Protein backbone atom coordinates (compact mmCIF):
# COMPACT_ATOMS: atom_id res chain seq x y z
CA MET A 1 21.65 -3.51 -11.18
CA THR A 2 20.96 -6.01 -8.59
CA ILE A 3 18.02 -6.73 -6.92
CA LYS A 4 18.21 -7.68 -3.60
CA ARG A 5 16.04 -7.43 -0.26
CA GLY A 6 16.05 -4.04 1.18
CA THR A 7 17.21 -2.54 -2.08
CA VAL A 8 14.86 1.10 -3.02
CA VAL A 9 13.55 1.15 -6.56
CA CYS A 10 11.34 2.58 -8.87
CA HIS A 11 9.48 1.23 -11.82
CA ALA A 12 10.13 3.28 -15.27
CA GLY A 13 7.02 2.16 -16.81
CA ALA A 14 4.66 3.40 -13.70
CA ILE A 15 5.99 6.17 -12.18
CA GLU A 16 2.52 6.98 -10.50
CA TRP A 17 3.49 4.01 -8.37
CA GLY A 18 6.25 5.74 -6.40
CA VAL A 19 9.18 4.33 -5.13
CA GLY A 20 9.19 0.72 -3.77
CA LYS A 21 11.21 -1.54 -1.06
CA VAL A 22 12.08 -5.22 -2.26
CA MET A 23 10.78 -7.14 0.50
CA GLU A 24 11.49 -10.52 -1.02
CA VAL A 25 13.48 -12.27 -4.02
CA ASN A 26 13.48 -15.49 -5.42
CA ALA A 27 14.65 -16.58 -9.32
CA LEU A 28 11.39 -15.74 -10.70
CA LYS A 29 10.13 -13.30 -9.20
CA ALA A 30 10.79 -9.93 -6.73
CA THR A 31 7.94 -8.77 -4.24
CA ILE A 32 7.97 -4.95 -4.10
CA GLN A 33 6.11 -2.53 -1.81
CA PHE A 34 5.32 0.40 -3.67
CA SER A 35 4.96 3.76 -1.69
CA ASP A 36 1.30 3.70 -3.28
CA GLY A 37 0.63 0.74 -0.70
CA ILE A 38 0.50 -1.96 -2.85
CA ILE A 39 2.85 -4.60 -2.66
CA ARG A 40 3.77 -6.00 -6.28
CA LYS A 41 5.52 -9.26 -7.95
CA ILE A 42 7.61 -7.80 -10.82
CA ALA A 43 9.10 -10.72 -12.64
CA SER A 44 13.25 -11.28 -12.93
CA SER A 45 12.58 -10.83 -16.80
CA HIS A 46 10.84 -6.94 -16.29
CA TYR A 47 14.13 -6.35 -13.82
CA THR A 48 15.35 -4.10 -16.73
CA ILE A 49 12.62 -1.82 -16.02
CA LEU A 50 13.27 -1.07 -12.46
CA GLN A 51 16.12 1.76 -11.34
CA PRO A 52 17.60 2.74 -8.58
CA ALA A 53 16.04 5.04 -6.27
CA ASP A 54 17.49 7.23 -3.11
CA PRO A 55 16.62 5.00 -0.24
CA ALA A 56 15.15 8.27 1.80
CA SER A 57 12.23 8.79 -0.67
CA PHE A 58 10.68 5.64 0.03
CA VAL A 59 7.39 6.18 2.22
CA ALA A 60 6.45 3.24 4.11
CA ILE A 61 2.61 2.71 4.55
CA PRO A 62 1.78 1.67 8.07
CA ASP A 63 0.71 -1.67 8.23
CA ILE A 64 -2.37 -0.73 10.40
CA VAL A 65 -4.34 2.33 9.40
CA PRO A 66 -6.71 3.82 11.78
CA VAL A 67 -10.28 3.29 11.01
CA VAL A 68 -12.50 6.85 12.14
CA LYS A 69 -16.08 5.22 12.54
CA THR A 70 -18.66 7.99 12.22
CA ARG A 71 -22.34 7.49 12.46
CA ALA A 72 -23.75 8.25 9.04
CA THR A 73 -27.80 9.33 10.58
CA PRO A 74 -28.29 10.07 14.61
CA LYS A 75 -29.20 7.85 16.62
CA SER A 76 -32.79 7.47 16.33
CA GLN A 77 -34.97 8.47 19.68
CA LYS A 78 -37.56 5.88 21.23
CA LYS A 79 -40.89 6.26 20.97
CA ILE A 80 -43.00 6.90 23.68
CA LYS A 81 -46.52 5.28 23.98
CA GLN A 82 -48.93 7.02 25.01
CA PRO A 83 -52.03 5.58 27.14
CA ALA A 84 -54.97 4.85 24.93
CA VAL A 85 -57.74 7.12 26.28
């Protein structure tokens, strides 16, 4: 199998990573973004572990994940000073 930019692959030894898309390739390694959201660098000596996958099965994780902020505790109320008697 030829590893080149844009190729969709799966790692035979780590099925839980899901399907990955090759982002960059050089003489020593390939940078692959897997469906679990992690970008991994695979050494060229391990290319034999990579298998072709269906391009439709790759689901890219969005670059920006919206963060929902929730308040753990309700706002504290201001204390009203009582006049001294």
